Amino acid sequence: MQAGDRLQVVSASTGGGAITISSTAVDADIIAGSINAGTGAVTLSSTGGGVYDDGLAETRIVGGSASLTGSKGIGTSSRSVQTTPAA
């Protein structure tokens, strides 16, 4: 998925396949909700913005591996991005 503006990911899941979400526009942030790739890889990338948590305690990024990149940062001091490794 490619996005050119702020992208709110409420829910994305696979049965073990990879999930890749990227945003390329200036000031384009990714707001991560429940993202579950099982044992697959999760990649969230924003070349023009950041990758941030949605602020809900019950949402997580779950995957066998996770790669989070954002030119303006990953999470904030008051709202870290929550990840959980797949079992």
PDB file of N, CA and C in Angstrom:
ATOM      1  N   MET A   1       0.853  -1.169   0.000  1.00  0.00           N
ATOM      2  CA  MET A   1       0.000   0.000   0.000  1.00  0.00           C
ATOM      3  C   MET A   1       0.894   1.226   0.000  1.00  0.00           C
ATOM      4  N   GLN A   2       0.581   2.175  -0.851  1.00  0.00           N
ATOM      5  CA  GLN A   2       1.298   3.447  -0.878  1.00  0.00           C
ATOM      6  C   GLN A   2       0.311   4.552  -0.513  1.00  0.00           C
ATOM      7  N   ALA A   3       0.740   5.470   0.296  1.00  0.00           N
ATOM      8  CA  ALA A   3      -0.142   6.563   0.692  1.00  0.00           C
ATOM      9  C   ALA A   3       0.581   7.884   0.516  1.00  0.00           C
ATOM     10  N   GLY A   4      -0.162   8.923   0.189  1.00  0.00           N
ATOM     11  CA  GLY A   4       0.438  10.220  -0.022  1.00  0.00           C
ATOM     12  C   GLY A   4       0.036  11.237   1.013  1.00  0.00           C
ATOM     13  N   ASP A   5      -0.658  10.841   2.069  1.00  0.00           N
ATOM     14  CA  ASP A   5      -1.104  11.737   3.114  1.00  0.00           C
ATOM     15  C   ASP A   5      -1.066  10.944   4.416  1.00  0.00           C
ATOM     16  N   ARG A   6      -1.524  11.528   5.497  1.00  0.00           N
ATOM     17  CA  ARG A   6      -1.586  10.815   6.773  1.00  0.00           C
ATOM     18  C   ARG A   6      -2.384   9.535   6.589  1.00  0.00           C
ATOM     19  N   LEU A   7      -1.825   8.430   7.058  1.00  0.00           N
ATOM     20  CA  LEU A   7      -2.441   7.124   6.877  1.00  0.00           C
ATOM     21  C   LEU A   7      -2.734   6.510   8.237  1.00  0.00           C
ATOM     22  N   GLN A   8      -3.999   6.333   8.548  1.00  0.00           N
ATOM     23  CA  GLN A   8      -4.431   5.700   9.793  1.00  0.00           C
ATOM     24  C   GLN A   8      -4.716   4.235   9.496  1.00  0.00           C
ATOM     25  N   VAL A   9      -3.917   3.341  10.063  1.00  0.00           N
ATOM     26  CA  VAL A   9      -4.122   1.905   9.883  1.00  0.00           C
ATOM     27  C   VAL A   9      -4.859   1.396  11.115  1.00  0.00           C
ATOM     28  N   VAL A  10      -6.166   1.185  10.968  1.00  0.00           N
ATOM     29  CA  VAL A  10      -6.984   0.727  12.084  1.00  0.00           C
ATOM     30  C   VAL A  10      -6.701  -0.742  12.354  1.00  0.00           C
ATOM     31  N   SER A  11      -6.700  -1.563  11.285  1.00  0.00           N
ATOM     32  CA  SER A  11      -6.477  -2.990  11.435  1.00  0.00           C
ATOM     33  C   SER A  11      -5.936  -3.575  10.141  1.00  0.00           C
ATOM     34  N   ALA A  12      -4.877  -4.372  10.256  1.00  0.00           N
ATOM     35  CA  ALA A  12      -4.326  -5.106   9.115  1.00  0.00           C
ATOM     36  C   ALA A  12      -3.813  -6.432   9.640  1.00  0.00           C
ATOM     37  N   SER A  13      -4.174  -7.524   8.964  1.00  0.00           N
ATOM     38  CA  SER A  13      -3.712  -8.831   9.439  1.00  0.00           C
ATOM     39  C   SER A  13      -3.539  -9.803   8.285  1.00  0.00           C
ATOM     40  N   THR A  14      -2.666 -10.777   8.500  1.00  0.00           N
ATOM     41  CA  THR A  14      -2.451 -11.879   7.570  1.00  0.00           C
ATOM     42  C   THR A  14      -2.313 -13.153   8.382  1.00  0.00           C
ATOM     43  N   GLY A  15      -2.354 -14.271   7.723  1.00  0.00           N
ATOM     44  CA  GLY A  15      -2.166 -15.550   8.394  1.00  0.00           C
ATOM     45  C   GLY A  15      -0.709 -15.962   8.419  1.00  0.00           C
ATOM     46  N   GLY A  16       0.196 -15.043   8.534  1.00  0.00           N
ATOM     47  CA  GLY A  16       1.620 -15.342   8.583  1.00  0.00           C
ATOM     48  C   GLY A  16       2.390 -14.719   7.434  1.00  0.00           C
ATOM     49  N   GLY A  17       1.690 -14.031   6.535  1.00  0.00           N
ATOM     50  CA  GLY A  17       2.361 -13.337   5.434  1.00  0.00           C
ATOM     51  C   GLY A  17       2.836 -11.974   5.863  1.00  0.00           C
ATOM     52  N   ALA A  18       3.705 -11.397   5.080  1.00  0.00           N
ATOM     53  CA  ALA A  18       4.276 -10.087   5.393  1.00  0.00           C
ATOM     54  C   ALA A  18       3.239  -8.971   5.211  1.00  0.00           C
ATOM     55  N   ILE A  19       3.379  -7.921   5.999  1.00  0.00           N
ATOM     56  CA  ILE A  19       2.590  -6.695   5.850  1.00  0.00           C
ATOM     57  C   ILE A  19       3.573  -5.558   5.640  1.00  0.00           C
ATOM     58  N   THR A  20       3.416  -4.837   4.521  1.00  0.00           N
ATOM     59  CA  THR A  20       4.259  -3.681   4.219  1.00  0.00           C
ATOM     60  C   THR A  20       3.359  -2.485   3.953  1.00  0.00           C
ATOM     61  N   ILE A  21       3.580  -1.417   4.701  1.00  0.00           N
ATOM     62  CA  ILE A  21       2.802  -0.186   4.537  1.00  0.00           C
ATOM     63  C   ILE A  21       3.797   0.960   4.437  1.00  0.00           C
ATOM     64  N   SER A  22       3.676   1.760   3.366  1.00  0.00           N
ATOM     65  CA  SER A  22       4.600   2.879   3.209  1.00  0.00           C
ATOM     66  C   SER A  22       3.868   4.138   2.793  1.00  0.00           C
ATOM     67  N   SER A  23       4.434   5.250   3.195  1.00  0.00           N
ATOM     68  CA  SER A  23       3.899   6.561   2.872  1.00  0.00           C
ATOM     69  C   SER A  23       5.059   7.401   2.353  1.00  0.00           C
ATOM     70  N   THR A  24       4.831   8.126   1.239  1.00  0.00           N
ATOM     71  CA  THR A  24       5.942   8.813   0.587  1.00  0.00           C
ATOM     72  C   THR A  24       5.824  10.337   0.509  1.00  0.00           C
ATOM     73  N   ALA A  25       4.699  10.907   0.809  1.00  0.00           N
ATOM     74  CA  ALA A  25       4.516  12.355   0.664  1.00  0.00           C
ATOM     75  C   ALA A  25       5.146  13.131   1.819  1.00  0.00           C
ATOM     76  N   VAL A  26       5.417  14.398   1.595  1.00  0.00           N
ATOM     77  CA  VAL A  26       5.941  15.280   2.636  1.00  0.00           C
ATOM     78  C   VAL A  26       4.934  15.352   3.777  1.00  0.00           C
ATOM     79  N   ASP A  27       5.421  15.239   4.998  1.00  0.00           N
ATOM     80  CA  ASP A  27       4.605  15.290   6.212  1.00  0.00           C
ATOM     81  C   ASP A  27       3.548  14.188   6.286  1.00  0.00           C
ATOM     82  N   ALA A  28       3.763  13.076   5.603  1.00  0.00           N
ATOM     83  CA  ALA A  28       2.813  11.963   5.622  1.00  0.00           C
ATOM     84  C   ALA A  28       3.190  10.995   6.736  1.00  0.00           C
ATOM     85  N   ASP A  29       2.360  10.928   7.764  1.00  0.00           N
ATOM     86  CA  ASP A  29       2.600  10.053   8.904  1.00  0.00           C
ATOM     87  C   ASP A  29       1.808   8.765   8.770  1.00  0.00           C
ATOM     88  N   ILE A  30       2.313   7.708   9.384  1.00  0.00           N
ATOM     89  CA  ILE A  30       1.574   6.457   9.521  1.00  0.00           C
ATOM     90  C   ILE A  30       1.174   6.347  10.981  1.00  0.00           C
ATOM     91  N   ILE A  31      -0.124   6.184  11.226  1.00  0.00           N
ATOM     92  CA  ILE A  31      -0.650   5.985  12.578  1.00  0.00           C
ATOM     93  C   ILE A  31      -1.038   4.513  12.678  1.00  0.00           C
ATOM     94  N   ALA A  32      -0.314   3.761  13.526  1.00  0.00           N
ATOM     95  CA  ALA A  32      -0.481   2.310  13.593  1.00  0.00           C
ATOM     96  C   ALA A  32      -1.472   1.898  14.662  1.00  0.00           C
ATOM     97  N   GLY A  33      -2.450   1.104  14.258  1.00  0.00           N
ATOM     98  CA  GLY A  33      -3.409   0.481  15.167  1.00  0.00           C
ATOM     99  C   GLY A  33      -3.030  -0.973  15.353  1.00  0.00           C
ATOM    100  N   SER A  34      -3.985  -1.884  15.142  1.00  0.00           N
ATOM    101  CA  SER A  34      -3.725  -3.322  15.256  1.00  0.00           C
ATOM    102  C   SER A  34      -3.166  -3.841  13.939  1.00  0.00           C
ATOM    103  N   ILE A  35      -1.906  -4.238  13.952  1.00  0.00           N
ATOM    104  CA  ILE A  35      -1.261  -4.798  12.774  1.00  0.00           C
ATOM    105  C   ILE A  35      -0.692  -6.144  13.199  1.00  0.00           C
ATOM    106  N   ASN A  36      -1.186  -7.231  12.579  1.00  0.00           N
ATOM    107  CA  ASN A  36      -0.785  -8.569  12.993  1.00  0.00           C
ATOM    108  C   ASN A  36      -0.418  -9.401  11.779  1.00  0.00           C
ATOM    109  N   ALA A  37       0.874  -9.684  11.636  1.00  0.00           N
ATOM    110  CA  ALA A  37       1.360 -10.522  10.538  1.00  0.00           C
ATOM    111  C   ALA A  37       1.668 -11.935  11.014  1.00  0.00           C
ATOM    112  N   GLY A  38       1.250 -12.290  12.228  1.00  0.00           N
ATOM    113  CA  GLY A  38       1.596 -13.604  12.758  1.00  0.00           C
ATOM    114  C   GLY A  38       3.107 -13.729  12.819  1.00  0.00           C
ATOM    115  N   THR A  39       3.658 -14.757  12.187  1.00  0.00           N
ATOM    116  CA  THR A  39       5.109 -14.930  12.165  1.00  0.00           C
ATOM    117  C   THR A  39       5.761 -14.200  10.993  1.00  0.00           C
ATOM    118  N   GLY A  40       4.959 -13.537  10.161  1.00  0.00           N
ATOM    119  CA  GLY A  40       5.482 -12.777   9.023  1.00  0.00           C
ATOM    120  C   GLY A  40       6.091 -11.459   9.451  1.00  0.00           C
ATOM    121  N   ALA A  41       6.761 -10.814   8.523  1.00  0.00           N
ATOM    122  CA  ALA A  41       7.432  -9.539   8.793  1.00  0.00           C
ATOM    123  C   ALA A  41       6.465  -8.366   8.659  1.00  0.00           C
ATOM    124  N   VAL A  42       6.640  -7.363   9.505  1.00  0.00           N
ATOM    125  CA  VAL A  42       5.887  -6.115   9.418  1.00  0.00           C
ATOM    126  C   VAL A  42       6.880  -5.007   9.066  1.00  0.00           C
ATOM    127  N   THR A  43       6.570  -4.256   8.001  1.00  0.00           N
ATOM    128  CA  THR A  43       7.397  -3.119   7.603  1.00  0.00           C
ATOM    129  C   THR A  43       6.515  -1.889   7.491  1.00  0.00           C
ATOM    130  N   LEU A  44       6.817  -0.862   8.279  1.00  0.00           N
ATOM    131  CA  LEU A  44       6.123   0.424   8.210  1.00  0.00           C
ATOM    132  C   LEU A  44       7.174   1.481   7.910  1.00  0.00           C
ATOM    133  N   SER A  45       6.963   2.243   6.828  1.00  0.00           N
ATOM    134  CA  SER A  45       7.963   3.206   6.402  1.00  0.00           C
ATOM    135  C   SER A  45       7.311   4.494   5.916  1.00  0.00           C
ATOM    136  N   SER A  46       7.757   5.618   6.462  1.00  0.00           N
ATOM    137  CA  SER A  46       7.295   6.924   6.015  1.00  0.00           C
ATOM    138  C   SER A  46       8.510   7.772   5.676  1.00  0.00           C
ATOM    139  N   THR A  47       8.731   8.020   4.385  1.00  0.00           N
ATOM    140  CA  THR A  47       9.895   8.809   3.973  1.00  0.00           C
ATOM    141  C   THR A  47       9.697  10.303   4.178  1.00  0.00           C
ATOM    142  N   GLY A  48       8.446  10.747   4.357  1.00  0.00           N
ATOM    143  CA  GLY A  48       8.191  12.167   4.543  1.00  0.00           C
ATOM    144  C   GLY A  48       7.613  12.519   5.897  1.00  0.00           C
ATOM    145  N   GLY A  49       7.382  11.515   6.737  1.00  0.00           N
ATOM    146  CA  GLY A  49       6.771  11.760   8.038  1.00  0.00           C
ATOM    147  C   GLY A  49       7.292  10.775   9.062  1.00  0.00           C
ATOM    148  N   GLY A  50       6.457  10.457  10.040  1.00  0.00           N
ATOM    149  CA  GLY A  50       6.853   9.538  11.103  1.00  0.00           C
ATOM    150  C   GLY A  50       5.925   8.348  11.178  1.00  0.00           C
ATOM    151  N   VAL A  51       6.268   7.436  12.067  1.00  0.00           N
ATOM    152  CA  VAL A  51       5.428   6.270  12.361  1.00  0.00           C
ATOM    153  C   VAL A  51       5.036   6.402  13.823  1.00  0.00           C
ATOM    154  N   TYR A  52       3.729   6.458  14.078  1.00  0.00           N
ATOM    155  CA  TYR A  52       3.232   6.730  15.425  1.00  0.00           C
ATOM    156  C   TYR A  52       2.168   5.733  15.850  1.00  0.00           C
ATOM    157  N   ASP A  53       2.021   5.575  17.151  1.00  0.00           N
ATOM    158  CA  ASP A  53       1.003   4.702  17.737  1.00  0.00           C
ATOM    159  C   ASP A  53      -0.341   5.418  17.736  1.00  0.00           C
ATOM    160  N   ASP A  54      -1.425   4.647  17.700  1.00  0.00           N
ATOM    161  CA  ASP A  54      -2.763   5.247  17.715  1.00  0.00           C
ATOM    162  C   ASP A  54      -3.214   5.672  19.106  1.00  0.00           C
ATOM    163  N   GLY A  55      -2.432   5.357  20.132  1.00  0.00           N
ATOM    164  CA  GLY A  55      -2.761   5.781  21.489  1.00  0.00           C
ATOM    165  C   GLY A  55      -3.663   4.844  22.256  1.00  0.00           C
ATOM    166  N   LEU A  56      -4.087   3.739  21.635  1.00  0.00           N
ATOM    167  CA  LEU A  56      -4.951   2.782  22.313  1.00  0.00           C
ATOM    168  C   LEU A  56      -4.101   1.666  22.915  1.00  0.00           C
ATOM    169  N   ALA A  57      -4.283   1.398  24.209  1.00  0.00           N
ATOM    170  CA  ALA A  57      -3.464   0.401  24.903  1.00  0.00           C
ATOM    171  C   ALA A  57      -3.636  -1.001  24.338  1.00  0.00           C
ATOM    172  N   GLU A  58      -4.798  -1.314  23.792  1.00  0.00           N
ATOM    173  CA  GLU A  58      -5.069  -2.672  23.323  1.00  0.00           C
ATOM    174  C   GLU A  58      -4.552  -2.961  21.913  1.00  0.00           C
ATOM    175  N   THR A  59      -4.060  -1.966  21.194  1.00  0.00           N
ATOM    176  CA  THR A  59      -3.550  -2.224  19.843  1.00  0.00           C
ATOM    177  C   THR A  59      -2.048  -2.457  19.872  1.00  0.00           C
ATOM    178  N   ARG A  60      -1.589  -3.334  18.981  1.00  0.00           N
ATOM    179  CA  ARG A  60      -0.183  -3.724  18.931  1.00  0.00           C
ATOM    180  C   ARG A  60       0.240  -3.974  17.488  1.00  0.00           C
ATOM    181  N   ILE A  61       1.542  -3.952  17.269  1.00  0.00           N
ATOM    182  CA  ILE A  61       2.140  -4.445  16.032  1.00  0.00           C
ATOM    183  C   ILE A  61       2.733  -5.804  16.376  1.00  0.00           C
ATOM    184  N   VAL A  62       2.251  -6.850  15.714  1.00  0.00           N
ATOM    185  CA  VAL A  62       2.699  -8.212  15.987  1.00  0.00           C
ATOM    186  C   VAL A  62       3.303  -8.787  14.717  1.00  0.00           C
ATOM    187  N   GLY A  63       4.487  -9.391  14.848  1.00  0.00           N
ATOM    188  CA  GLY A  63       5.113 -10.027  13.702  1.00  0.00           C
ATOM    189  C   GLY A  63       6.350 -10.793  14.107  1.00  0.00           C
ATOM    190  N   GLY A  64       6.814 -11.641  13.193  1.00  0.00           N
ATOM    191  CA  GLY A  64       8.061 -12.358  13.420  1.00  0.00           C
ATOM    192  C   GLY A  64       9.234 -11.401  13.456  1.00  0.00           C
ATOM    193  N   SER A  65       9.112 -10.304  12.728  1.00  0.00           N
ATOM    194  CA  SER A  65      10.078  -9.203  12.772  1.00  0.00           C
ATOM    195  C   SER A  65       9.330  -7.920  12.447  1.00  0.00           C
ATOM    196  N   ALA A  66       9.883  -6.804  12.876  1.00  0.00           N
ATOM    197  CA  ALA A  66       9.262  -5.507  12.604  1.00  0.00           C
ATOM    198  C   ALA A  66      10.339  -4.499  12.234  1.00  0.00           C
ATOM    199  N   SER A  67      10.109  -3.784  11.133  1.00  0.00           N
ATOM    200  CA  SER A  67      10.995  -2.720  10.695  1.00  0.00           C
ATOM    201  C   SER A  67      10.171  -1.446  10.604  1.00  0.00           C
ATOM    202  N   LEU A  68      10.490  -0.478  11.438  1.00  0.00           N
ATOM    203  CA  LEU A  68       9.765   0.791  11.486  1.00  0.00           C
ATOM    204  C   LEU A  68      10.745   1.908  11.151  1.00  0.00           C
ATOM    205  N   THR A  69      10.448   2.684  10.092  1.00  0.00           N
ATOM    206  CA  THR A  69      11.318   3.800   9.730  1.00  0.00           C
ATOM    207  C   THR A  69      10.470   5.026   9.426  1.00  0.00           C
ATOM    208  N   GLY A  70      10.920   6.156   9.914  1.00  0.00           N
ATOM    209  CA  GLY A  70      10.224   7.415   9.655  1.00  0.00           C
ATOM    210  C   GLY A  70      11.209   8.558   9.693  1.00  0.00           C
ATOM    211  N   SER A  71      11.169   9.409   8.680  1.00  0.00           N
ATOM    212  CA  SER A  71      12.122  10.524   8.632  1.00  0.00           C
ATOM    213  C   SER A  71      11.913  11.509   9.769  1.00  0.00           C
ATOM    214  N   LYS A  72      10.703  11.527  10.353  1.00  0.00           N
ATOM    215  CA  LYS A  72      10.421  12.437  11.466  1.00  0.00           C
ATOM    216  C   LYS A  72      10.294  11.696  12.791  1.00  0.00           C
ATOM    217  N   GLY A  73      10.658  10.419  12.792  1.00  0.00           N
ATOM    218  CA  GLY A  73      10.695   9.685  14.051  1.00  0.00           C
ATOM    219  C   GLY A  73       9.757   8.496  14.115  1.00  0.00           C
ATOM    220  N   ILE A  74       9.955   7.735  15.198  1.00  0.00           N
ATOM    221  CA  ILE A  74       9.140   6.572  15.506  1.00  0.00           C
ATOM    222  C   ILE A  74       8.583   6.787  16.905  1.00  0.00           C
ATOM    223  N   GLY A  75       7.263   6.898  17.014  1.00  0.00           N
ATOM    224  CA  GLY A  75       6.652   7.146  18.314  1.00  0.00           C
ATOM    225  C   GLY A  75       7.008   8.519  18.855  1.00  0.00           C
ATOM    226  N   THR A  76       6.549   8.787  20.063  1.00  0.00           N
ATOM    227  CA  THR A  76       6.861  10.033  20.757  1.00  0.00           C
ATOM    228  C   THR A  76       7.228   9.698  22.202  1.00  0.00           C
ATOM    229  N   SER A  77       7.708  10.673  22.929  1.00  0.00           N
ATOM    230  CA  SER A  77       8.081  10.420  24.324  1.00  0.00           C
ATOM    231  C   SER A  77       6.864  10.049  25.170  1.00  0.00           C
ATOM    232  N   SER A  78       5.686  10.509  24.792  1.00  0.00           N
ATOM    233  CA  SER A  78       4.488  10.186  25.562  1.00  0.00           C
ATOM    234  C   SER A  78       3.654   9.059  24.952  1.00  0.00           C
ATOM    235  N   ARG A  79       4.005   8.635  23.744  1.00  0.00           N
ATOM    236  CA  ARG A  79       3.225   7.588  23.082  1.00  0.00           C
ATOM    237  C   ARG A  79       4.159   6.712  22.246  1.00  0.00           C
ATOM    238  N   SER A  80       4.724   5.689  22.881  1.00  0.00           N
ATOM    239  CA  SER A  80       5.624   4.790  22.161  1.00  0.00           C
ATOM    240  C   SER A  80       4.828   3.841  21.270  1.00  0.00           C
ATOM    241  N   VAL A  81       5.464   3.344  20.217  1.00  0.00           N
ATOM    242  CA  VAL A  81       4.836   2.370  19.329  1.00  0.00           C
ATOM    243  C   VAL A  81       4.943   1.012  20.017  1.00  0.00           C
ATOM    244  N   GLN A  82       3.802   0.333  20.175  1.00  0.00           N
ATOM    245  CA  GLN A  82       3.749  -0.930  20.913  1.00  0.00           C
ATOM    246  C   GLN A  82       3.903  -2.113  19.961  1.00  0.00           C
ATOM    247  N   THR A  83       4.913  -2.940  20.236  1.00  0.00           N
ATOM    248  CA  THR A  83       5.155  -4.129  19.420  1.00  0.00           C
ATOM    249  C   THR A  83       5.173  -5.366  20.312  1.00  0.00           C
ATOM    250  N   THR A  84       4.805  -6.489  19.696  1.00  0.00           N
ATOM    251  CA  THR A  84       4.819  -7.783  20.379  1.00  0.00           C
ATOM    252  C   THR A  84       5.374  -8.817  19.416  1.00  0.00           C
ATOM    253  N   PRO A  85       6.427  -9.556  19.807  1.00  0.00           N
ATOM    254  CA  PRO A  85       6.944 -10.584  18.910  1.00  0.00           C
ATOM    255  C   PRO A  85       5.967 -11.750  18.799  1.00  0.00           C
ATOM    256  N   ALA A  86       5.885 -12.332  17.593  1.00  0.00           N
ATOM    257  CA  ALA A  86       5.032 -13.500  17.383  1.00  0.00           C
ATOM    258  C   ALA A  86       5.674 -14.700  18.071  1.00  0.00           C
ATOM    259  N   ALA A  87       4.826 -15.560  18.596  1.00  0.00           N
ATOM    260  CA  ALA A  87       5.328 -16.763  19.296  1.00  0.00           C
ATOM    261  C   ALA A  87       5.769 -17.819  18.317  1.00  0.00           C
TER     262      ALA A  87
END
